[in-house]
Amino acid sequence: MRQNPARRTALLDAAIEVLAREGSRGLTLRAVDTQAGVPGGTASNYFSNRAELLRQILARTHERLTPDPAELASTMEAPPSRQLVVTLLHQLVGRMRADRSSHLAMLELRLEATRRPELQADLARTFSAILEDNIGWHLDAGLPGDRTTVVLLYLAMLGLIVDDLTVPELLSPHPFDDLLTELVARTLPPAAP
């Protein structure tokens, strides 16, 4: 297999766009080549099969959705508080809206995993690690709440993101800023600052 990292990344980014736009059934190596604007057969030189492509898409979406370390460091200069959690959730939604394709691709991967046990195992392993990292980061940062709080915020934000991506008009009557503020206020312990 080819080892040009820049080409591999470009192919994975193209695959994310195809997956987000066409769904799992539209994701073919040929469609990836077309989206990337490369000669036919290029993707097959980088990915041995569709399962390998799906695994690498999973890793690439995680890279694309990880917050910018400098921006996160700047945000974390504020003292730990409910308001800081609200700010972090706003930034999460901002990243989701800025890279809608990665989030849609992740939803497609979740659906595909219901039919592919090997992908299900990859998703479970990856998402478990991400959730554990988020829990550890939240607690280490001294943010209010405990492990269960982080899991509840994760679940609530996942639902909010799915609706915002798929049926945004559902949430349009509800002021988004107010929803995030209320989510944090109702999820975090009352004694939190």
C-alpha atoms as a PDB file:
ATOM      1  CA  MET A   1       0.000   0.000   0.000  1.00  0.00           C
ATOM      2  CA  ARG A   2       1.049   3.540  -0.651  1.00  0.00           C
ATOM      3  CA  GLN A   3       2.573   5.587   2.137  1.00  0.00           C
ATOM      4  CA  ASN A   4       2.135   9.220   1.017  1.00  0.00           C
ATOM      5  CA  PRO A   5       0.530  10.658   4.203  1.00  0.00           C
ATOM      6  CA  ALA A   6      -0.765  13.826   2.528  1.00  0.00           C
ATOM      7  CA  ARG A   7      -2.444  11.809  -0.237  1.00  0.00           C
ATOM      8  CA  ARG A   8      -3.931   9.390   2.313  1.00  0.00           C
ATOM      9  CA  THR A   9      -5.349  12.319   4.311  1.00  0.00           C
ATOM     10  CA  ALA A  10      -6.805  13.890   1.173  1.00  0.00           C
ATOM     11  CA  LEU A  11      -8.442  10.575   0.263  1.00  0.00           C
ATOM     12  CA  LEU A  12      -9.856  10.204   3.769  1.00  0.00           C
ATOM     13  CA  ASP A  13     -11.207  13.749   3.693  1.00  0.00           C
ATOM     14  CA  ALA A  14     -12.825  12.951   0.337  1.00  0.00           C
ATOM     15  CA  ALA A  15     -14.267   9.742   1.818  1.00  0.00           C
ATOM     16  CA  ILE A  16     -15.763  11.721   4.704  1.00  0.00           C
ATOM     17  CA  GLU A  17     -17.460  14.052   2.220  1.00  0.00           C
ATOM     18  CA  VAL A  18     -18.825  11.116   0.210  1.00  0.00           C
ATOM     19  CA  LEU A  19     -20.045   9.342   3.346  1.00  0.00           C
ATOM     20  CA  ALA A  20     -21.721  12.498   4.654  1.00  0.00           C
ATOM     21  CA  ARG A  21     -23.373  13.296   1.312  1.00  0.00           C
ATOM     22  CA  GLU A  22     -24.191   9.857  -0.099  1.00  0.00           C
ATOM     23  CA  GLY A  23     -24.382   7.655   2.967  1.00  0.00           C
ATOM     24  CA  SER A  24     -22.760   4.304   3.451  1.00  0.00           C
ATOM     25  CA  ARG A  25     -24.124   2.806   0.251  1.00  0.00           C
ATOM     26  CA  GLY A  26     -22.554   5.573  -1.797  1.00  0.00           C
ATOM     27  CA  LEU A  27     -19.129   5.115  -0.256  1.00  0.00           C
ATOM     28  CA  THR A  28     -17.041   3.297  -2.834  1.00  0.00           C
ATOM     29  CA  LEU A  29     -13.364   3.550  -3.639  1.00  0.00           C
ATOM     30  CA  ARG A  30     -14.347   4.930  -7.048  1.00  0.00           C
ATOM     31  CA  ALA A  31     -16.521   7.628  -5.412  1.00  0.00           C
ATOM     32  CA  VAL A  32     -13.587   8.550  -3.159  1.00  0.00           C
ATOM     33  CA  ASP A  33     -11.302   8.874  -6.203  1.00  0.00           C
ATOM     34  CA  THR A  34     -13.846  11.104  -7.930  1.00  0.00           C
ATOM     35  CA  GLN A  35     -14.366  13.308  -4.860  1.00  0.00           C
ATOM     36  CA  ALA A  36     -10.606  13.641  -4.344  1.00  0.00           C
ATOM     37  CA  GLY A  37     -10.040  14.442  -8.022  1.00  0.00           C
ATOM     38  CA  VAL A  38      -7.449  11.688  -8.434  1.00  0.00           C
ATOM     39  CA  PRO A  39      -7.096   9.016 -11.104  1.00  0.00           C
ATOM     40  CA  GLY A  40      -9.342   5.977 -10.789  1.00  0.00           C
ATOM     41  CA  GLY A  41      -7.786   3.250  -8.672  1.00  0.00           C
ATOM     42  CA  THR A  42      -5.846   5.631  -6.417  1.00  0.00           C
ATOM     43  CA  ALA A  43      -7.929   4.890  -3.301  1.00  0.00           C
ATOM     44  CA  SER A  44      -7.501   1.150  -3.801  1.00  0.00           C
ATOM     45  CA  ASN A  45      -3.731   1.711  -3.595  1.00  0.00           C
ATOM     46  CA  TYR A  46      -4.208   3.189  -0.090  1.00  0.00           C
ATOM     47  CA  PHE A  47      -7.006   1.065   1.376  1.00  0.00           C
ATOM     48  CA  SER A  48      -6.993  -2.707   1.002  1.00  0.00           C
ATOM     49  CA  ASN A  49     -10.788  -2.920   1.288  1.00  0.00           C
ATOM     50  CA  ARG A  50     -13.887  -1.047   2.349  1.00  0.00           C
ATOM     51  CA  ALA A  51     -13.599  -2.202   5.968  1.00  0.00           C
ATOM     52  CA  GLU A  52     -10.102  -0.702   6.171  1.00  0.00           C
ATOM     53  CA  LEU A  53     -11.392   2.538   4.638  1.00  0.00           C
ATOM     54  CA  LEU A  54     -14.173   2.708   7.251  1.00  0.00           C
ATOM     55  CA  ARG A  55     -11.674   2.156  10.083  1.00  0.00           C
ATOM     56  CA  GLN A  56      -9.441   4.918   8.790  1.00  0.00           C
ATOM     57  CA  ILE A  57     -12.409   7.268   8.307  1.00  0.00           C
ATOM     58  CA  LEU A  58     -13.211   6.732  11.974  1.00  0.00           C
ATOM     59  CA  ALA A  59      -9.698   7.788  12.963  1.00  0.00           C
ATOM     60  CA  ARG A  60      -9.682  10.765  10.584  1.00  0.00           C
ATOM     61  CA  THR A  61     -13.022  12.120  11.807  1.00  0.00           C
ATOM     62  CA  HIS A  62     -11.657  11.973  15.348  1.00  0.00           C
ATOM     63  CA  GLU A  63      -8.621  14.011  14.226  1.00  0.00           C
ATOM     64  CA  ARG A  64     -10.807  16.564  12.462  1.00  0.00           C
ATOM     65  CA  LEU A  65     -13.170  16.978  15.419  1.00  0.00           C
ATOM     66  CA  THR A  66     -10.521  17.300  18.123  1.00  0.00           C
ATOM     67  CA  PRO A  67     -10.423  20.869  19.469  1.00  0.00           C
ATOM     68  CA  ASP A  68      -7.509  23.095  18.552  1.00  0.00           C
ATOM     69  CA  PRO A  69      -5.107  22.852  21.527  1.00  0.00           C
ATOM     70  CA  ALA A  70      -4.321  26.583  21.558  1.00  0.00           C
ATOM     71  CA  GLU A  71      -8.002  27.565  21.477  1.00  0.00           C
ATOM     72  CA  LEU A  72      -8.805  25.067  24.217  1.00  0.00           C
ATOM     73  CA  ALA A  73      -5.909  26.305  26.359  1.00  0.00           C
ATOM     74  CA  SER A  74      -7.166  29.855  25.957  1.00  0.00           C
ATOM     75  CA  THR A  75     -10.683  28.838  26.985  1.00  0.00           C
ATOM     76  CA  MET A  76      -9.372  26.940  29.987  1.00  0.00           C
ATOM     77  CA  GLU A  77      -7.756  30.082  31.401  1.00  0.00           C
ATOM     78  CA  ALA A  78     -11.169  30.845  32.884  1.00  0.00           C
ATOM     79  CA  PRO A  79     -11.870  29.461  36.349  1.00  0.00           C
ATOM     80  CA  PRO A  80     -13.768  26.143  36.467  1.00  0.00           C
ATOM     81  CA  SER A  81     -17.493  26.901  36.632  1.00  0.00           C
ATOM     82  CA  ARG A  82     -20.866  26.120  35.128  1.00  0.00           C
ATOM     83  CA  GLN A  83     -20.332  29.012  32.724  1.00  0.00           C
ATOM     84  CA  LEU A  84     -17.076  27.501  31.516  1.00  0.00           C
ATOM     85  CA  VAL A  85     -18.910  24.240  30.803  1.00  0.00           C
ATOM     86  CA  VAL A  86     -21.517  26.207  28.813  1.00  0.00           C
ATOM     87  CA  THR A  87     -18.684  27.859  26.862  1.00  0.00           C
ATOM     88  CA  LEU A  88     -17.094  24.471  26.136  1.00  0.00           C
ATOM     89  CA  LEU A  89     -20.424  23.094  24.900  1.00  0.00           C
ATOM     90  CA  HIS A  90     -20.876  26.130  22.645  1.00  0.00           C
ATOM     91  CA  GLN A  91     -17.421  25.470  21.210  1.00  0.00           C
ATOM     92  CA  LEU A  92     -18.362  21.832  20.623  1.00  0.00           C
ATOM     93  CA  VAL A  93     -21.454  22.891  18.691  1.00  0.00           C
ATOM     94  CA  GLY A  94     -19.352  25.424  16.780  1.00  0.00           C
ATOM     95  CA  ARG A  95     -16.919  22.678  15.738  1.00  0.00           C
ATOM     96  CA  MET A  96     -19.823  20.474  14.719  1.00  0.00           C
ATOM     97  CA  ARG A  97     -21.332  23.187  12.569  1.00  0.00           C
ATOM     98  CA  ALA A  98     -17.938  24.085  11.078  1.00  0.00           C
ATOM     99  CA  ASP A  99     -17.257  20.458  10.125  1.00  0.00           C
ATOM    100  CA  ARG A 100     -20.756  19.144   9.527  1.00  0.00           C
ATOM    101  CA  SER A 101     -19.443  16.453   7.184  1.00  0.00           C
ATOM    102  CA  SER A 102     -17.366  14.766   9.892  1.00  0.00           C
ATOM    103  CA  HIS A 103     -20.346  14.549  12.224  1.00  0.00           C
ATOM    104  CA  LEU A 104     -22.625  13.229   9.494  1.00  0.00           C
ATOM    105  CA  ALA A 105     -19.954  10.703   8.546  1.00  0.00           C
ATOM    106  CA  MET A 106     -19.797   9.589  12.184  1.00  0.00           C
ATOM    107  CA  LEU A 107     -23.564   9.077  12.185  1.00  0.00           C
ATOM    108  CA  GLU A 108     -23.244   7.014   9.019  1.00  0.00           C
ATOM    109  CA  LEU A 109     -20.471   4.964  10.632  1.00  0.00           C
ATOM    110  CA  ARG A 110     -22.735   4.301  13.626  1.00  0.00           C
ATOM    111  CA  LEU A 111     -25.483   3.058  11.315  1.00  0.00           C
ATOM    112  CA  GLU A 112     -23.051   0.962   9.282  1.00  0.00           C
ATOM    113  CA  ALA A 113     -21.771  -0.576  12.520  1.00  0.00           C
ATOM    114  CA  THR A 114     -25.213  -2.057  13.179  1.00  0.00           C
ATOM    115  CA  ARG A 115     -24.585  -4.274  10.133  1.00  0.00           C
ATOM    116  CA  ARG A 116     -20.827  -4.879  10.527  1.00  0.00           C
ATOM    117  CA  PRO A 117     -19.687  -6.473  13.789  1.00  0.00           C
ATOM    118  CA  GLU A 118     -16.019  -5.616  13.120  1.00  0.00           C
ATOM    119  CA  LEU A 119     -16.896  -1.926  12.733  1.00  0.00           C
ATOM    120  CA  GLN A 120     -19.115  -2.138  15.823  1.00  0.00           C
ATOM    121  CA  ALA A 121     -16.100  -3.342  17.799  1.00  0.00           C
ATOM    122  CA  ASP A 122     -13.941  -0.511  16.410  1.00  0.00           C
ATOM    123  CA  LEU A 123     -16.598   2.096  17.241  1.00  0.00           C
ATOM    124  CA  ALA A 124     -17.149   0.740  20.737  1.00  0.00           C
ATOM    125  CA  ARG A 125     -13.402   0.776  21.418  1.00  0.00           C
ATOM    126  CA  THR A 126     -12.905   4.264  19.943  1.00  0.00           C
ATOM    127  CA  PHE A 127     -15.950   5.895  21.541  1.00  0.00           C
ATOM    128  CA  SER A 128     -15.224   4.270  24.913  1.00  0.00           C
ATOM    129  CA  ALA A 129     -11.698   5.685  24.828  1.00  0.00           C
ATOM    130  CA  ILE A 130     -12.975   9.131  23.794  1.00  0.00           C
ATOM    131  CA  LEU A 131     -15.593   9.155  26.544  1.00  0.00           C
ATOM    132  CA  GLU A 132     -13.051   8.046  29.159  1.00  0.00           C
ATOM    133  CA  ASP A 133     -10.629  10.734  27.935  1.00  0.00           C
ATOM    134  CA  ASN A 134     -13.382  13.346  28.213  1.00  0.00           C
ATOM    135  CA  ILE A 135     -14.327  12.220  31.697  1.00  0.00           C
ATOM    136  CA  GLY A 136     -10.690  12.319  32.814  1.00  0.00           C
ATOM    137  CA  TRP A 137     -10.119  15.701  31.201  1.00  0.00           C
ATOM    138  CA  HIS A 138     -13.268  17.184  32.788  1.00  0.00           C
ATOM    139  CA  LEU A 139     -12.344  15.931  36.252  1.00  0.00           C
ATOM    140  CA  ASP A 140      -8.653  16.871  35.928  1.00  0.00           C
ATOM    141  CA  ALA A 141      -9.655  20.384  34.833  1.00  0.00           C
ATOM    142  CA  GLY A 142     -11.623  20.782  38.059  1.00  0.00           C
ATOM    143  CA  LEU A 143     -14.873  21.408  36.204  1.00  0.00           C
ATOM    144  CA  PRO A 144     -18.020  20.939  38.285  1.00  0.00           C
ATOM    145  CA  GLY A 145     -19.639  17.518  38.320  1.00  0.00           C
ATOM    146  CA  ASP A 146     -18.516  13.924  38.439  1.00  0.00           C
ATOM    147  CA  ARG A 147     -18.172  10.998  36.019  1.00  0.00           C
ATOM    148  CA  THR A 148     -21.935  10.589  35.709  1.00  0.00           C
ATOM    149  CA  THR A 149     -22.321  14.301  34.973  1.00  0.00           C
ATOM    150  CA  VAL A 150     -19.921  14.007  32.030  1.00  0.00           C
ATOM    151  CA  VAL A 151     -21.760  10.949  30.687  1.00  0.00           C
ATOM    152  CA  LEU A 152     -25.104  12.777  30.966  1.00  0.00           C
ATOM    153  CA  LEU A 153     -23.691  15.823  29.176  1.00  0.00           C
ATOM    154  CA  TYR A 154     -22.252  13.524  26.480  1.00  0.00           C
ATOM    155  CA  LEU A 155     -25.613  11.843  25.928  1.00  0.00           C
ATOM    156  CA  ALA A 156     -27.538  15.114  25.896  1.00  0.00           C
ATOM    157  CA  MET A 157     -25.089  16.755  23.489  1.00  0.00           C
ATOM    158  CA  LEU A 158     -25.148  13.716  21.200  1.00  0.00           C
ATOM    159  CA  GLY A 159     -28.926  14.020  20.927  1.00  0.00           C
ATOM    160  CA  LEU A 160     -28.726  17.765  20.391  1.00  0.00           C
ATOM    161  CA  ILE A 161     -26.080  17.356  17.686  1.00  0.00           C
ATOM    162  CA  VAL A 162     -28.050  14.632  15.888  1.00  0.00           C
ATOM    163  CA  ASP A 163     -31.161  16.813  15.817  1.00  0.00           C
ATOM    164  CA  ASP A 164     -29.212  19.906  14.787  1.00  0.00           C
ATOM    165  CA  LEU A 165     -27.629  17.966  11.909  1.00  0.00           C
ATOM    166  CA  THR A 166     -30.692  16.083  10.731  1.00  0.00           C
ATOM    167  CA  VAL A 167     -33.826  18.073  11.636  1.00  0.00           C
ATOM    168  CA  PRO A 168     -32.660  21.545  12.709  1.00  0.00           C
ATOM    169  CA  GLU A 169     -36.173  22.939  12.441  1.00  0.00           C
ATOM    170  CA  LEU A 170     -37.102  20.757  15.423  1.00  0.00           C
ATOM    171  CA  LEU A 171     -34.929  22.890  17.699  1.00  0.00           C
ATOM    172  CA  SER A 172     -35.472  26.228  15.939  1.00  0.00           C
ATOM    173  CA  PRO A 173     -38.336  27.341  18.252  1.00  0.00           C
ATOM    174  CA  HIS A 174     -36.000  26.924  21.229  1.00  0.00           C
ATOM    175  CA  PRO A 175     -33.208  29.495  21.697  1.00  0.00           C
ATOM    176  CA  PHE A 176     -30.030  27.459  21.372  1.00  0.00           C
ATOM    177  CA  ASP A 177     -28.047  29.445  23.930  1.00  0.00           C
ATOM    178  CA  ASP A 178     -30.818  28.986  26.464  1.00  0.00           C
ATOM    179  CA  LEU A 179     -30.906  25.225  25.836  1.00  0.00           C
ATOM    180  CA  LEU A 180     -27.189  24.858  26.543  1.00  0.00           C
ATOM    181  CA  THR A 181     -27.386  27.044  29.638  1.00  0.00           C
ATOM    182  CA  GLU A 182     -30.343  25.062  30.980  1.00  0.00           C
ATOM    183  CA  LEU A 183     -28.700  21.752  30.138  1.00  0.00           C
ATOM    184  CA  VAL A 184     -25.696  22.675  32.270  1.00  0.00           C
ATOM    185  CA  ALA A 185     -27.804  24.220  35.054  1.00  0.00           C
ATOM    186  CA  ARG A 186     -29.994  21.125  35.329  1.00  0.00           C
ATOM    187  CA  THR A 187     -27.195  18.580  34.943  1.00  0.00           C
ATOM    188  CA  LEU A 188     -24.504  20.007  37.206  1.00  0.00           C
ATOM    189  CA  PRO A 189     -24.935  19.819  40.968  1.00  0.00           C
ATOM    190  CA  PRO A 190     -26.590  22.936  42.475  1.00  0.00           C
ATOM    191  CA  ALA A 191     -23.584  23.536  44.731  1.00  0.00           C
ATOM    192  CA  ALA A 192     -21.331  24.049  41.702  1.00  0.00           C
ATOM    193  CA  PRO A 193     -20.203  27.655  41.250  1.00  0.00           C
END
